[in-house]
Amino acid sequence: MRDERILSSRERELLQTLLQHAKAASTENHHMQEAVRSVIATAVGETVAQRAFAVLGGSIVDRILEGSTLSSDAANRTAEVLGPKDPEPPGVKAPPKQPVRDPEPPGVKVPPRPIRDIPRPPAPPDPEPPGVKKPGKPMRDTPVPDPEPPGHGATTKVISGSSLGVAERPEFLGAHCVVLDEFLAPQELDALTRFTLEHESDFSASEVVSPTHEKGVVNYDHRRSRVLMDLGSHENVILARIKTVLPQVLEKLGMQEFAIADVEAQITASNDGDYFHFHCDNGSGKVSSRHLTFVYFFHREPRQFEGGELRIHDAHLDGGTYISEGNYQTIVPQQNQIVFFACELLHEITAVKCSSQLFADSRFTLNGWLRR
């Protein structure tokens, strides 16, 4: 199954995602779990056998059937589908049959679901993943005054106490992120949505942490939204999933693996007129150890809001300050999607438009940071 001619990498990734969701959906029901796996194995097995026969010849079918646990009826059905194998040339002996490798022992993790890079300019354009727009010029989607100095672009201070040392500061920070679709199992998404709507009264106004304040302050000129800090069991659910995919995410981002010293997580609700201006996530002493940002999108169906796009900017270093290059990647909120990027990257959330102004119709994210 590792042969690309028999099962492509995309098909293998899809199969792994199906198995992961099947396992999550039937964790407490062993018989259901076995039944689902059996159905998937039967369907995929027939496809693999057909392709193996076409690519490798009839002898491979003998090895598959000899080493399999299929019943004789199932083997006969497979032989009917594949048809008779080609006769062997006279005088040519068939290669010796190889023992079928035992399946991997329980506890061996399968690779995570497919990871998709969002290309950044000036690289040649690749087919764009759903929900990701082409780079554009920064725009202000709200009449709220711009707190940054005029004529200087979007800026963020690089604090000397941050995890990125002075010698390590790159001259250029590209708007590079990793996006994963269908991140939670359907029942996990439903449970998170119900939990969020049931705790509307527990949300409070968002705070902004600035270099001059050790404690966050509410600043409606820079950010407007509401947050919930107590996530109950949902924090453990999403963090367990994040840790599963983290090695591949870091590899795609070009970041070194690191020991997680602490984790912050919150649910953010953004309704009509809410936004978050240009900022980075580790720009002060209080948050300088933040290393990786994650943003998980979810909302009630059908979606009742527009806007609320995540824009991640290219930036260059100018006198100890990162300044926007004027280009950015735009991620449009998609149900059950998560985005990862380095905390020092400049980013913003455009204004949300929600005509009903109902809390239940808000743009929701479960977002947070991994510290090192």
Protein backbone atom coordinates (compact mmCIF):
# COMPACT_ATOMS: atom_id res chain seq x y z
CA MET A 1 0.00 0.00 0.00
CA ARG A 2 3.05 2.28 0.10
CA ASP A 3 3.40 1.90 -3.68
CA GLU A 4 2.13 5.15 -5.24
CA ARG A 5 0.87 3.18 -8.27
CA ILE A 6 -1.47 1.19 -6.04
CA LEU A 7 -2.56 3.76 -3.45
CA SER A 8 -1.64 7.44 -3.76
CA SER A 9 -0.47 9.46 -0.78
CA ARG A 10 -3.70 11.46 -0.89
CA GLU A 11 -5.74 8.25 -0.77
CA ARG A 12 -3.66 6.93 2.13
CA GLU A 13 -4.21 10.17 4.03
CA LEU A 14 -7.96 9.98 3.38
CA LEU A 15 -8.01 6.39 4.63
CA GLN A 16 -6.15 7.42 7.80
CA THR A 17 -8.65 10.23 8.41
CA LEU A 18 -11.58 7.81 7.98
CA LEU A 19 -10.08 5.36 10.44
CA GLN A 20 -9.35 8.13 12.95
CA HIS A 21 -12.92 9.43 12.81
CA ALA A 22 -14.31 5.88 13.00
CA LYS A 23 -12.26 5.23 16.10
CA ALA A 24 -13.30 8.53 17.74
CA ALA A 25 -16.98 7.93 16.95
CA SER A 26 -17.11 4.47 18.48
CA THR A 27 -14.55 4.65 21.29
CA GLU A 28 -16.85 3.09 23.86
CA ASN A 29 -18.38 0.49 21.56
CA HIS A 30 -15.84 -2.18 20.64
CA HIS A 31 -18.23 -4.15 18.42
CA MET A 32 -19.19 -1.03 16.45
CA GLN A 33 -15.51 -0.13 16.06
CA GLU A 34 -14.69 -3.57 14.68
CA ALA A 35 -17.68 -3.48 12.32
CA VAL A 36 -16.69 -0.10 10.89
CA ARG A 37 -13.08 -1.18 10.44
CA SER A 38 -14.20 -4.36 8.73
CA VAL A 39 -16.35 -2.46 6.23
CA ILE A 40 -13.51 -0.02 5.45
CA ALA A 41 -10.97 -2.86 5.17
CA THR A 42 -13.19 -4.82 2.77
CA ALA A 43 -13.85 -1.83 0.51
CA VAL A 44 -10.23 -0.68 0.42
CA GLY A 45 -8.90 -4.23 0.15
CA GLU A 46 -10.74 -4.93 -3.08
CA THR A 47 -9.46 -1.70 -4.63
CA VAL A 48 -5.88 -2.42 -3.54
CA ALA A 49 -6.09 -5.98 -4.89
CA GLN A 50 -7.36 -4.83 -8.29
CA ARG A 51 -4.63 -2.23 -8.66
CA ALA A 52 -1.93 -4.59 -7.42
CA PHE A 53 -3.03 -7.17 -9.98
CA ALA A 54 -2.89 -4.58 -12.77
CA VAL A 55 0.53 -3.23 -11.72
CA LEU A 56 2.39 -6.23 -10.32
CA GLY A 57 0.75 -9.19 -12.05
CA GLY A 58 -1.24 -12.21 -10.94
CA SER A 59 1.35 -13.60 -8.50
CA ILE A 60 0.75 -10.75 -6.05
CA VAL A 61 -2.90 -11.81 -5.73
CA ASP A 62 -1.83 -15.25 -4.57
CA ARG A 63 0.33 -13.70 -1.86
CA ILE A 64 -2.46 -11.35 -0.75
CA LEU A 65 -5.04 -14.13 -0.50
CA GLU A 66 -2.62 -16.61 1.08
CA GLY A 67 -1.68 -14.25 3.90
CA SER A 68 -5.11 -12.73 4.47
CA THR A 69 -7.78 -13.69 6.98
CA LEU A 70 -10.59 -13.46 4.42
CA SER A 71 -13.06 -16.29 4.32
CA SER A 72 -13.02 -18.62 1.31
CA ASP A 73 -16.22 -16.98 0.05
CA ALA A 74 -14.60 -13.53 0.20
CA ALA A 75 -11.51 -14.88 -1.58
CA ASN A 76 -13.69 -16.35 -4.31
CA ARG A 77 -15.52 -13.03 -4.73
CA THR A 78 -12.18 -11.24 -5.04
CA ALA A 79 -11.01 -13.74 -7.66
CA GLU A 80 -14.25 -13.21 -9.60
CA VAL A 81 -13.71 -9.45 -9.59
CA LEU A 82 -10.08 -9.71 -10.68
CA GLY A 83 -10.57 -12.47 -13.23
CA PRO A 84 -8.02 -15.15 -14.12
CA LYS A 85 -4.36 -14.27 -13.85
CA ASP A 86 -2.12 -14.26 -16.88
CA PRO A 87 -0.42 -17.59 -17.64
CA GLU A 88 3.27 -17.77 -16.83
CA PRO A 89 5.70 -18.15 -19.75
CA PRO A 90 7.01 -21.74 -20.26
CA GLY A 91 10.11 -22.52 -18.29
CA VAL A 92 9.84 -19.44 -16.08
CA LYS A 93 9.43 -20.24 -12.43
CA ALA A 94 7.27 -18.06 -10.27
CA PRO A 95 9.23 -16.14 -7.63
CA PRO A 96 9.16 -17.70 -4.16
CA LYS A 97 6.24 -16.52 -2.05
CA GLN A 98 7.23 -14.05 0.61
CA PRO A 99 5.76 -14.18 4.13
CA VAL A 100 3.17 -11.51 4.75
CA ARG A 101 4.33 -9.01 7.32
CA ASP A 102 2.45 -9.00 10.60
CA PRO A 103 0.28 -5.94 11.26
CA GLU A 104 1.72 -3.22 13.45
CA PRO A 105 1.13 -3.75 17.17
CA PRO A 106 -1.55 -1.72 18.97
CA GLY A 107 -0.42 1.74 20.01
CA VAL A 108 1.49 2.53 16.80
CA LYS A 109 0.19 5.89 15.67
CA VAL A 110 -0.85 6.42 12.11
CA PRO A 111 0.31 9.63 10.43
CA PRO A 112 -2.09 12.55 10.97
CA ARG A 113 -4.52 13.90 8.42
CA PRO A 114 -3.22 15.75 5.36
CA ILE A 115 -1.46 19.01 5.97
CA ARG A 116 -1.87 21.82 3.51
CA ASP A 117 0.54 24.71 3.10
CA ILE A 118 -0.68 28.13 2.10
CA PRO A 119 1.84 29.44 -0.44
CA ARG A 120 3.27 32.87 0.08
CA PRO A 121 4.54 35.24 -2.61
CA PRO A 122 6.75 35.33 -4.61
CA ALA A 123 6.56 31.54 -4.96
CA PRO A 124 4.75 30.25 -8.09
CA PRO A 125 1.02 29.99 -7.47
CA ASP A 126 -0.21 26.54 -6.47
CA PRO A 127 -3.87 25.51 -6.58
CA GLU A 128 -5.43 27.40 -3.69
CA PRO A 129 -7.02 25.38 -0.88
CA PRO A 130 -10.69 26.08 -0.13
CA GLY A 131 -11.26 29.25 1.85
CA VAL A 132 -7.81 30.78 1.26
CA LYS A 133 -7.71 33.91 -0.88
CA LYS A 134 -4.80 35.26 -2.90
CA PRO A 135 -2.48 37.76 -1.24
CA GLY A 136 -3.72 41.31 -1.34
CA LYS A 137 -3.09 44.72 0.10
CA PRO A 138 -3.93 45.47 3.74
CA MET A 139 -7.32 47.07 4.23
CA ARG A 140 -9.21 48.52 7.14
CA ASP A 141 -12.70 47.06 7.20
CA THR A 142 -13.88 49.13 10.15
CA PRO A 143 -14.03 52.87 10.90
CA VAL A 144 -12.25 52.42 14.24
CA PRO A 145 -9.13 54.67 14.35
CA ASP A 146 -5.82 53.02 13.46
CA PRO A 147 -3.60 52.90 16.59
CA GLU A 148 -0.37 52.52 14.59
CA PRO A 149 1.77 55.53 13.62
CA PRO A 150 0.63 57.04 10.28
CA GLY A 151 2.72 56.27 7.22
CA HIS A 152 4.63 53.51 8.94
CA GLY A 153 2.50 50.47 8.16
CA ALA A 154 1.44 47.77 10.56
CA THR A 155 4.09 47.37 13.26
CA THR A 156 4.82 45.30 16.33
CA LYS A 157 7.67 45.70 18.79
CA VAL A 158 10.17 42.87 19.19
CA ILE A 159 10.66 42.58 22.94
CA SER A 160 14.17 41.63 24.04
CA GLY A 161 12.75 39.25 26.64
CA SER A 162 10.91 37.18 24.06
CA SER A 163 11.85 33.63 23.13
CA LEU A 164 13.33 34.95 19.87
CA GLY A 165 16.78 36.27 20.80
CA VAL A 166 18.32 39.35 19.23
CA ALA A 167 20.76 37.31 17.16
CA GLU A 168 17.96 35.03 16.02
CA ARG A 169 15.65 37.69 14.61
CA PRO A 170 15.25 37.07 10.90
CA GLU A 171 15.24 40.09 8.62
CA PHE A 172 12.08 38.83 6.95
CA LEU A 173 9.06 37.02 8.40
CA GLY A 174 6.93 35.38 5.71
CA ALA A 175 3.18 34.93 6.12
CA HIS A 176 3.54 31.17 6.46
CA CYS A 177 0.90 28.98 8.09
CA VAL A 178 -0.47 25.43 8.06
CA VAL A 179 -4.19 24.69 7.65
CA LEU A 180 -5.89 21.42 8.58
CA ASP A 181 -9.46 20.61 7.59
CA GLU A 182 -12.00 18.44 9.47
CA PHE A 183 -9.86 18.65 12.59
CA LEU A 184 -12.35 17.32 15.16
CA ALA A 185 -14.71 14.39 14.84
CA PRO A 186 -18.32 15.46 14.11
CA GLN A 187 -19.58 14.60 17.59
CA GLU A 188 -16.67 16.54 19.15
CA LEU A 189 -17.56 19.60 17.06
CA ASP A 190 -21.24 19.31 18.04
CA ALA A 191 -20.37 19.01 21.73
CA LEU A 192 -18.06 22.06 21.56
CA THR A 193 -20.75 24.14 19.84
CA ARG A 194 -23.40 23.16 22.43
CA PHE A 195 -20.99 23.93 25.28
CA THR A 196 -20.23 27.37 23.84
CA LEU A 197 -23.89 28.35 23.36
CA GLU A 198 -24.82 27.12 26.85
CA HIS A 199 -22.11 29.32 28.45
CA GLU A 200 -23.00 32.63 26.79
CA SER A 201 -23.36 34.36 30.17
CA ASP A 202 -19.79 33.36 31.14
CA PHE A 203 -18.14 35.27 28.27
CA SER A 204 -16.36 38.52 29.12
CA ALA A 205 -14.86 41.41 27.15
CA SER A 206 -11.53 40.63 25.45
CA GLU A 207 -8.39 42.19 26.87
CA VAL A 208 -5.28 43.42 25.11
CA VAL A 209 -1.82 42.74 26.54
CA SER A 210 0.57 45.58 25.70
CA PRO A 211 4.30 46.08 26.42
CA THR A 212 3.44 48.78 28.99
CA HIS A 213 0.96 46.69 30.97
CA GLU A 214 1.66 43.43 32.77
CA LYS A 215 -2.07 42.95 33.12
CA GLY A 216 -4.40 42.94 30.14
CA VAL A 217 -6.59 45.96 29.51
CA VAL A 218 -9.82 46.36 27.55
CA ASN A 219 -9.09 48.57 24.54
CA TYR A 220 -11.97 48.81 22.06
CA ASP A 221 -9.81 50.89 19.70
CA HIS A 222 -7.60 47.85 19.11
CA ARG A 223 -9.77 44.80 19.76
CA ARG A 224 -13.41 44.00 20.30
CA SER A 225 -14.79 40.53 21.05
CA ARG A 226 -15.78 38.33 23.99
CA VAL A 227 -13.87 35.39 25.45
CA LEU A 228 -14.48 32.33 27.61
CA MET A 229 -11.47 31.07 29.56
CA ASP A 230 -12.92 27.90 31.13
CA LEU A 231 -13.28 25.33 28.33
CA GLY A 232 -14.08 22.32 30.48
CA SER A 233 -13.12 18.99 28.89
CA HIS A 234 -12.93 20.54 25.39
CA GLU A 235 -9.47 21.97 26.07
CA ASN A 236 -8.06 18.47 26.62
CA VAL A 237 -9.80 17.16 23.50
CA ILE A 238 -8.31 19.73 21.14
CA LEU A 239 -4.88 19.72 22.80
CA ALA A 240 -4.64 15.95 22.45
CA ARG A 241 -5.39 16.29 18.75
CA ILE A 242 -2.90 19.16 18.37
CA LYS A 243 -0.10 17.12 19.97
CA THR A 244 -0.80 14.32 17.49
CA VAL A 245 -0.20 16.53 14.44
CA LEU A 246 2.38 18.88 16.00
CA PRO A 247 5.56 17.23 14.58
CA GLN A 248 4.33 17.52 11.00
CA VAL A 249 2.98 21.04 11.58
CA LEU A 250 6.35 22.23 12.87
CA GLU A 251 8.12 20.58 9.94
CA LYS A 252 5.84 22.37 7.46
CA LEU A 253 6.45 25.68 9.23
CA GLY A 254 10.21 25.16 9.27
CA MET A 255 10.25 25.29 13.09
CA GLN A 256 12.23 23.07 15.44
CA GLU A 257 10.41 20.71 17.76
CA PHE A 258 10.24 22.07 21.30
CA ALA A 259 9.17 21.06 24.80
CA ILE A 260 5.77 22.56 25.62
CA ALA A 261 6.16 24.44 28.91
CA ASP A 262 2.57 25.68 29.10
CA VAL A 263 -0.60 25.99 27.06
CA GLU A 264 -3.17 28.79 26.89
CA ALA A 265 -6.57 28.31 25.30
CA GLN A 266 -9.82 30.25 25.11
CA ILE A 267 -13.03 30.43 23.12
CA THR A 268 -13.53 33.77 21.35
CA ALA A 269 -16.93 35.00 20.17
CA SER A 270 -16.91 37.75 17.52
CA ASN A 271 -20.21 39.37 16.58
CA ASP A 272 -21.32 42.34 14.48
CA GLY A 273 -18.55 44.97 14.31
CA ASP A 274 -15.98 42.93 16.27
CA TYR A 275 -12.36 42.85 15.06
CA PHE A 276 -8.70 42.66 16.15
CA HIS A 277 -6.18 45.11 14.63
CA PHE A 278 -2.57 44.30 13.64
CA HIS A 279 -0.62 42.54 16.37
CA CYS A 280 1.68 39.65 17.19
CA ASP A 281 1.04 37.17 19.99
CA ASN A 282 4.35 37.34 21.89
CA GLY A 283 5.05 41.08 21.92
CA SER A 284 5.44 41.71 25.68
CA GLY A 285 7.16 40.25 28.72
CA LYS A 286 4.00 38.55 29.94
CA VAL A 287 3.51 36.59 26.72
CA SER A 288 7.05 36.52 25.31
CA SER A 289 7.37 32.74 25.77
CA ARG A 290 4.46 32.04 23.42
CA HIS A 291 5.85 30.14 20.44
CA LEU A 292 3.05 28.68 18.30
CA THR A 293 -0.45 30.08 17.72
CA PHE A 294 -3.46 27.93 16.81
CA VAL A 295 -6.91 29.11 15.71
CA TYR A 296 -9.75 26.59 15.38
CA PHE A 297 -12.87 27.86 13.58
CA PHE A 298 -16.42 26.73 14.34
CA HIS A 299 -19.94 28.18 14.16
CA ARG A 300 -23.57 27.27 14.15
CA GLU A 301 -24.97 26.02 10.84
CA PRO A 302 -25.99 27.63 8.60
CA ARG A 303 -23.41 30.37 9.04
CA GLN A 304 -25.00 33.73 9.84
CA PHE A 305 -21.96 36.03 9.68
CA GLU A 306 -19.56 37.43 7.11
CA GLY A 307 -16.02 38.74 7.43
CA GLY A 308 -13.89 37.84 10.42
CA GLU A 309 -11.04 36.81 8.13
CA LEU A 310 -7.62 35.99 9.56
CA ARG A 311 -4.92 37.94 7.70
CA ILE A 312 -1.27 37.01 8.25
CA HIS A 313 1.25 39.55 6.97
CA ASP A 314 4.71 39.40 5.45
CA ALA A 315 6.97 41.64 7.52
CA HIS A 316 10.56 42.87 7.61
CA LEU A 317 12.72 44.02 10.51
CA ASP A 318 13.33 47.77 10.74
CA GLY A 319 15.18 49.11 13.77
CA GLY A 320 13.98 46.40 16.13
CA THR A 321 10.42 46.61 14.81
CA TYR A 322 8.64 44.31 12.38
CA ILE A 323 6.78 46.25 9.70
CA SER A 324 4.22 44.87 7.28
CA GLU A 325 5.45 44.36 3.72
CA GLY A 326 1.96 45.16 2.44
CA ASN A 327 1.22 41.54 1.49
CA TYR A 328 -0.79 39.05 3.47
CA GLN A 329 -2.43 35.63 3.36
CA THR A 330 -6.18 35.56 4.03
CA ILE A 331 -7.87 32.61 5.73
CA VAL A 332 -11.66 32.71 5.53
CA PRO A 333 -13.25 30.97 8.55
CA GLN A 334 -14.33 27.45 7.61
CA GLN A 335 -16.21 25.04 9.82
CA ASN A 336 -13.98 22.54 11.70
CA GLN A 337 -10.73 24.02 10.35
CA ILE A 338 -7.58 24.86 12.32
CA VAL A 339 -4.67 27.19 11.44
CA PHE A 340 -1.15 27.12 12.93
CA PHE A 341 1.48 29.88 12.65
CA ALA A 342 4.44 31.31 14.58
CA CYS A 343 3.46 33.74 17.36
CA GLU A 344 5.77 36.52 16.15
CA LEU A 345 3.94 36.86 12.83
CA LEU A 346 1.90 40.02 12.30
CA HIS A 347 -1.80 39.23 11.89
CA GLU A 348 -5.26 40.77 12.21
CA ILE A 349 -8.95 39.82 12.25
CA THR A 350 -11.17 41.82 9.91
CA ALA A 351 -14.52 43.19 11.07
CA VAL A 352 -17.36 40.70 11.46
CA LYS A 353 -20.77 41.41 9.97
CA CYS A 354 -23.66 39.65 11.72
CA SER A 355 -27.05 41.20 10.95
CA SER A 356 -28.96 39.27 13.64
CA GLN A 357 -26.44 40.29 16.35
CA LEU A 358 -27.42 37.10 18.20
CA PHE A 359 -24.68 35.48 20.25
CA ALA A 360 -25.48 32.07 18.71
CA ASP A 361 -24.74 33.48 15.23
CA SER A 362 -21.23 34.67 16.18
CA ARG A 363 -17.92 33.71 14.62
CA PHE A 364 -16.39 31.34 17.18
CA THR A 365 -12.80 30.23 17.54
CA LEU A 366 -11.05 28.01 20.03
CA ASN A 367 -7.69 29.70 19.89
CA GLY A 368 -4.56 29.61 21.96
CA TRP A 369 -0.81 29.38 22.23
CA LEU A 370 1.86 26.81 23.01
CA ARG A 371 4.63 28.21 25.22
CA ARG A 372 8.19 26.95 25.43
